[in-house]
N, C-alpha and C. Protein backbone atom coordinates (compact mmCIF):
# COMPACT_ATOMS: atom_id res chain seq x y z
N UNK A 1 8.30 20.12 31.57
CA UNK A 1 8.64 19.11 31.96
C UNK A 1 7.82 17.89 32.80
N UNK A 2 6.61 18.50 33.04
CA UNK A 2 5.81 17.61 34.11
C UNK A 2 5.17 16.67 32.94
N UNK A 3 4.80 17.12 31.62
CA UNK A 3 4.20 16.32 30.81
C UNK A 3 5.30 15.22 30.55
N UNK A 4 6.44 15.50 30.11
CA UNK A 4 7.55 14.56 30.17
C UNK A 4 7.45 13.16 30.97
N UNK A 5 7.59 13.82 32.27
CA UNK A 5 7.47 12.76 33.33
C UNK A 5 6.24 12.21 33.47
N UNK A 6 5.06 12.78 33.09
CA UNK A 6 4.02 11.81 32.92
C UNK A 6 3.89 10.72 32.00
N UNK A 7 4.44 11.25 30.83
CA UNK A 7 4.58 10.19 29.74
C UNK A 7 5.70 9.01 30.10
N UNK A 8 6.76 9.48 30.82
CA UNK A 8 7.31 8.35 31.48
C UNK A 8 7.04 7.54 32.33
N UNK A 9 6.45 8.24 33.15
CA UNK A 9 5.70 7.26 34.35
C UNK A 9 4.36 6.27 33.83
N UNK A 10 3.81 7.06 32.73
CA UNK A 10 2.71 6.38 32.19
C UNK A 10 3.33 5.08 31.28
N UNK A 11 4.31 5.30 30.62
CA UNK A 11 4.82 4.17 29.86
C UNK A 11 5.35 3.19 30.71
N UNK A 12 6.12 3.37 31.75
CA UNK A 12 6.59 2.35 32.75
C UNK A 12 5.44 1.76 33.31
N UNK A 13 4.30 2.27 33.90
CA UNK A 13 3.02 1.58 34.13
C UNK A 13 2.72 0.73 33.17
N UNK A 14 2.64 1.32 32.09
CA UNK A 14 1.96 0.33 30.94
C UNK A 14 2.75 -0.98 30.64
N UNK A 15 4.06 -0.83 30.84
CA UNK A 15 5.08 -1.95 30.53
C UNK A 15 4.99 -2.95 31.81
N UNK A 16 4.97 -2.20 33.12
CA UNK A 16 4.64 -3.18 34.23
C UNK A 16 3.31 -3.90 33.99
N UNK A 17 2.28 -2.98 34.01
CA UNK A 17 1.04 -3.94 34.01
C UNK A 17 0.62 -4.64 33.01
N UNK A 18 1.02 -4.33 31.82
CA UNK A 18 0.66 -4.99 30.33
C UNK A 18 -0.82 -4.99 30.22
N UNK A 19 -1.20 -4.07 30.22
CA UNK A 19 -2.86 -4.05 30.03
C UNK A 19 -3.24 -4.78 28.95
N UNK A 20 -4.24 -5.07 28.80
CA UNK A 20 -4.89 -5.78 27.53
C UNK A 20 -5.94 -4.78 26.93
N UNK A 21 -5.98 -4.86 25.75
CA UNK A 21 -6.85 -3.75 25.02
C UNK A 21 -8.24 -4.69 24.46
N UNK A 22 -9.26 -4.36 24.98
CA UNK A 22 -10.54 -5.05 24.37
C UNK A 22 -10.63 -5.11 22.86
N UNK A 23 -10.82 -6.18 22.36
CA UNK A 23 -11.21 -6.46 20.96
C UNK A 23 -11.90 -5.40 19.89
N UNK A 24 -12.90 -5.04 20.75
CA UNK A 24 -13.80 -3.72 20.27
C UNK A 24 -12.89 -2.45 19.82
N UNK A 25 -11.91 -2.31 20.65
CA UNK A 25 -11.04 -1.14 20.56
C UNK A 25 -9.69 -1.11 19.98
N UNK A 26 -9.51 -2.37 19.53
CA UNK A 26 -8.03 -2.88 19.11
C UNK A 26 -7.89 -2.07 17.66
N UNK A 27 -8.62 -1.90 16.88
CA UNK A 27 -8.44 -1.31 15.63
C UNK A 27 -8.29 0.44 15.73
N UNK A 28 -8.65 0.80 16.79
CA UNK A 28 -8.52 2.14 17.08
C UNK A 28 -7.14 2.70 17.86
N UNK A 29 -6.77 1.66 18.63
CA UNK A 29 -5.32 1.87 19.09
C UNK A 29 -4.24 2.49 18.54
N UNK A 30 -3.99 1.76 17.44
CA UNK A 30 -2.78 2.30 16.73
C UNK A 30 -3.05 3.77 16.08
N UNK A 31 -4.32 4.00 15.65
CA UNK A 31 -4.64 5.27 15.27
C UNK A 31 -4.33 5.98 16.15
N UNK A 32 -4.93 6.14 17.12
CA UNK A 32 -4.95 6.68 18.47
C UNK A 32 -3.45 7.25 18.85
N UNK A 33 -2.54 6.21 18.88
CA UNK A 33 -1.05 6.23 18.99
C UNK A 33 -0.54 7.34 18.13
N UNK A 34 -0.92 7.30 16.67
CA UNK A 34 -0.29 7.83 15.73
C UNK A 34 -0.63 9.49 15.96
N UNK A 35 -2.21 9.63 16.06
CA UNK A 35 -2.66 10.94 16.24
C UNK A 35 -1.95 11.44 17.56
N UNK A 36 -1.65 10.58 18.64
CA UNK A 36 -1.13 11.24 19.95
C UNK A 36 0.52 11.68 19.51
N UNK A 37 1.14 10.79 18.82
CA UNK A 37 2.62 11.06 18.32
C UNK A 37 2.51 12.42 17.29
N UNK A 38 1.72 12.69 16.76
CA UNK A 38 1.34 13.92 15.99
C UNK A 38 1.40 14.95 16.72
N UNK A 39 0.33 14.95 17.76
CA UNK A 39 0.24 16.14 18.62
C UNK A 39 1.70 16.51 19.40
N UNK A 40 2.54 15.18 19.88
CA UNK A 40 3.53 15.24 20.67
C UNK A 40 4.61 15.93 20.07
N UNK A 41 4.84 15.80 18.60
CA UNK A 41 5.95 16.39 17.65
C UNK A 41 5.48 17.84 17.49
N UNK A 42 4.26 17.95 17.30
CA UNK A 42 3.80 19.10 17.00
C UNK A 42 4.15 20.14 18.24
N UNK A 43 3.77 19.65 19.54
CA UNK A 43 4.16 20.43 20.61
C UNK A 43 5.58 20.43 20.85
N UNK A 44 6.75 19.60 20.50
CA UNK A 44 8.00 19.91 20.68
C UNK A 44 8.67 20.81 19.66
N UNK A 45 7.84 20.90 18.46
CA UNK A 45 8.48 22.02 17.51
C UNK A 45 7.82 23.20 17.99
N UNK A 46 6.77 23.31 18.38
CA UNK A 46 6.14 24.62 19.01
C UNK A 46 7.00 25.26 20.36
N UNK A 47 7.50 23.95 21.07
CA UNK A 47 8.52 24.61 22.20
C UNK A 47 9.68 25.01 21.49
N UNK A 48 10.18 24.49 20.43
CA UNK A 48 11.42 25.02 19.96
C UNK A 48 11.26 26.40 19.05
N UNK A 49 10.43 26.41 18.52
CA UNK A 49 9.97 27.65 17.90
C UNK A 49 9.76 28.82 19.07
N UNK A 50 9.35 28.54 20.22
CA UNK A 50 9.07 29.66 21.35
C UNK A 50 7.58 29.80 21.21
N UNK A 51 6.57 29.09 20.61
CA UNK A 51 5.41 29.39 20.62
C UNK A 51 4.36 28.32 21.25
N UNK A 52 4.83 27.70 22.14
CA UNK A 52 4.36 26.51 22.59
C UNK A 52 3.37 27.16 23.91
N UNK A 53 1.96 26.61 24.03
CA UNK A 53 1.19 26.95 24.70
C UNK A 53 0.20 25.76 25.36
N UNK A 54 0.64 25.42 26.61
CA UNK A 54 -0.13 24.04 27.18
C UNK A 54 -1.51 23.86 26.73
N UNK A 55 -2.23 24.80 26.72
CA UNK A 55 -3.66 24.57 26.33
C UNK A 55 -3.96 24.09 24.96
N UNK A 56 -3.06 24.87 24.20
CA UNK A 56 -3.25 24.29 22.62
C UNK A 56 -2.87 23.06 22.34
N UNK A 57 -1.65 22.75 23.29
CA UNK A 57 -1.31 21.31 23.17
C UNK A 57 -2.17 20.34 23.65
N UNK A 58 -2.87 20.47 24.69
CA UNK A 58 -3.85 19.64 25.30
C UNK A 58 -4.92 19.38 24.39
N UNK A 59 -5.72 20.59 23.92
CA UNK A 59 -6.72 20.65 23.03
C UNK A 59 -6.22 19.72 21.87
N UNK A 60 -5.17 19.85 21.07
CA UNK A 60 -4.46 19.32 19.97
C UNK A 60 -4.51 17.82 19.97
N UNK A 61 -3.70 17.65 21.21
CA UNK A 61 -3.73 16.36 21.80
C UNK A 61 -5.10 15.37 21.67
N UNK A 62 -5.82 15.98 22.26
CA UNK A 62 -7.38 14.98 22.82
C UNK A 62 -7.99 15.13 21.39
N UNK A 63 -8.29 16.44 20.81
CA UNK A 63 -8.85 16.33 19.39
C UNK A 63 -8.00 15.70 18.19
N UNK A 64 -6.79 15.52 18.28
CA UNK A 64 -6.19 14.73 17.37
C UNK A 64 -6.93 13.15 17.40
N UNK A 65 -6.56 12.71 18.67
CA UNK A 65 -7.00 11.26 19.30
C UNK A 65 -8.48 11.15 18.84
N UNK A 66 -9.32 11.85 19.13
CA UNK A 66 -10.69 11.98 18.99
C UNK A 66 -11.16 11.86 17.47
N UNK A 67 -10.73 12.71 16.96
CA UNK A 67 -10.84 12.79 15.27
C UNK A 67 -10.53 11.63 14.73
N UNK A 68 -9.19 11.51 14.76
CA UNK A 68 -8.71 10.19 14.16
C UNK A 68 -9.50 9.00 14.21
N UNK A 69 -10.03 8.67 15.78
CA UNK A 69 -10.77 7.51 16.20
C UNK A 69 -11.95 7.61 15.71
N UNK A 70 -12.93 8.60 15.35
CA UNK A 70 -14.07 9.19 14.76
C UNK A 70 -14.13 8.74 13.25
N UNK A 71 -12.78 8.99 12.73
CA UNK A 71 -12.89 8.61 11.51
C UNK A 71 -12.68 7.22 10.96
N UNK A 72 -11.89 6.59 11.87
CA UNK A 72 -11.73 5.04 11.81
C UNK A 72 -13.19 4.31 11.96
N UNK A 73 -13.85 5.10 13.02
CA UNK A 73 -15.25 4.33 13.38
C UNK A 73 -16.40 4.45 12.21
N UNK A 74 -16.27 5.61 11.65
CA UNK A 74 -17.18 6.02 10.45
C UNK A 74 -16.68 5.16 9.32
N UNK A 75 -15.42 4.81 9.10
CA UNK A 75 -14.96 3.92 8.02
C UNK A 75 -15.30 2.40 8.32
N UNK A 76 -15.36 1.96 9.67
CA UNK A 76 -15.98 0.81 10.04
C UNK A 76 -17.44 0.60 9.86
N UNK A 77 -18.08 1.72 10.15
CA UNK A 77 -19.54 1.78 9.93
C UNK A 77 -19.93 1.66 8.54
N UNK A 78 -19.19 2.26 7.57
CA UNK A 78 -19.25 2.27 6.15
C UNK A 78 -18.80 1.04 5.25
N UNK A 79 -18.12 0.30 6.09
CA UNK A 79 -17.23 -0.82 5.62
C UNK A 79 -16.34 -0.85 4.70
N UNK A 80 -15.28 0.60 5.13
CA UNK A 80 -14.15 0.98 4.43
C UNK A 80 -13.18 1.08 5.49
N UNK A 81 -13.25 0.63 6.54
CA UNK A 81 -12.29 1.00 7.81
C UNK A 81 -10.88 0.85 7.71
N UNK A 82 -10.71 -0.23 7.04
CA UNK A 82 -9.12 -0.27 6.48
C UNK A 82 -8.44 0.96 5.66
N UNK A 83 -9.51 1.40 4.68
CA UNK A 83 -8.75 2.36 3.85
C UNK A 83 -8.81 3.69 4.61
N UNK A 84 -9.72 4.11 5.31
CA UNK A 84 -9.86 5.21 6.13
C UNK A 84 -8.65 5.24 7.05
N UNK A 85 -8.46 4.02 7.89
CA UNK A 85 -7.29 3.91 8.75
C UNK A 85 -5.88 4.31 8.18
N UNK A 86 -5.83 3.69 6.80
CA UNK A 86 -4.64 3.86 6.02
C UNK A 86 -4.51 5.31 5.94
N UNK A 87 -5.51 6.12 5.16
CA UNK A 87 -5.64 7.60 4.88
C UNK A 87 -5.30 8.29 6.33
N UNK A 88 -5.73 8.10 7.50
CA UNK A 88 -5.39 8.71 8.72
C UNK A 88 -3.74 8.55 9.04
N UNK A 89 -3.19 7.23 8.85
CA UNK A 89 -1.87 6.97 9.34
C UNK A 89 -1.06 7.84 8.24
N UNK A 90 -1.52 7.73 7.08
CA UNK A 90 -0.71 8.59 5.96
C UNK A 90 -0.62 10.06 6.20
N UNK A 91 -1.91 10.66 6.35
CA UNK A 91 -1.89 12.09 6.56
C UNK A 91 -1.31 12.38 8.04
N UNK A 92 -1.37 11.63 8.94
CA UNK A 92 -0.78 12.10 10.31
C UNK A 92 0.59 11.83 10.16
N UNK A 93 1.17 10.88 9.26
CA UNK A 93 2.59 10.44 9.26
C UNK A 93 3.27 11.58 8.59
N UNK A 94 2.61 12.28 7.67
CA UNK A 94 3.17 13.38 6.61
C UNK A 94 3.41 14.26 7.82
N UNK A 95 2.25 14.58 8.72
CA UNK A 95 2.39 15.64 9.68
C UNK A 95 3.74 15.57 10.62
N UNK A 96 3.91 14.21 11.07
CA UNK A 96 4.99 14.00 11.96
C UNK A 96 6.31 13.90 11.36
N UNK A 97 6.45 13.94 10.01
CA UNK A 97 7.88 13.66 9.30
C UNK A 97 8.07 15.24 9.16
N UNK A 98 7.00 16.19 8.86
CA UNK A 98 7.35 17.63 8.52
C UNK A 98 7.74 18.01 9.82
N UNK A 99 6.91 17.66 11.12
CA UNK A 99 7.36 18.18 12.49
C UNK A 99 8.90 17.89 12.65
N UNK A 100 9.28 16.65 12.33
CA UNK A 100 10.47 15.96 12.77
C UNK A 100 11.53 16.82 12.08
N UNK A 101 11.12 17.13 10.75
CA UNK A 101 12.10 17.99 9.71
C UNK A 101 12.39 19.41 10.42
N UNK A 102 11.58 19.82 10.96
CA UNK A 102 11.52 21.46 11.33
C UNK A 102 12.41 21.18 12.75
N UNK A 103 11.94 20.15 13.27
CA UNK A 103 12.78 19.98 14.72
C UNK A 103 14.17 19.77 14.49
N UNK A 104 14.39 18.95 13.44
CA UNK A 104 15.93 18.73 13.12
C UNK A 104 16.59 19.81 12.68
N UNK A 105 15.79 20.80 11.75
CA UNK A 105 16.46 22.04 11.34
C UNK A 105 16.76 22.83 12.37
N UNK A 106 15.70 23.11 13.41
CA UNK A 106 16.13 23.77 14.35
C UNK A 106 17.16 23.28 15.38
N UNK A 107 17.22 21.97 15.64
CA UNK A 107 18.34 21.74 16.38
C UNK A 107 19.72 21.59 15.94
N UNK A 108 20.01 21.32 14.38
CA UNK A 108 21.05 21.10 13.90
C UNK A 108 21.20 22.67 12.95
N UNK A 109 20.39 23.48 12.99
CA UNK A 109 20.69 24.55 11.96
C UNK A 109 20.80 24.19 10.63
N UNK A 110 20.12 23.18 10.11
CA UNK A 110 20.55 22.64 8.81
C UNK A 110 19.16 22.54 7.96
């Protein structure tokens, strides 16, 4: 419950303050958001399955964001940043939809 409250408070602060993202970090923000959503959906699925562990969630959340950003950074350095960004979004998108399907099956028993 604390994590949900923290998320809501952070979202409200972000909407009120409207922070700007430096140009250097702008290619990494969408990837970081998708990676964070992947961890969030995975955590919700684990919670519904009764296997949630806060340490595993925290490590998964942070490592997803860092690894995704590193992959995009590596792609930028190699000159194929958009292709690797697309690959990261596709892979994480598949994981998000897989977790969403498992959550739906759990909630609606379908």
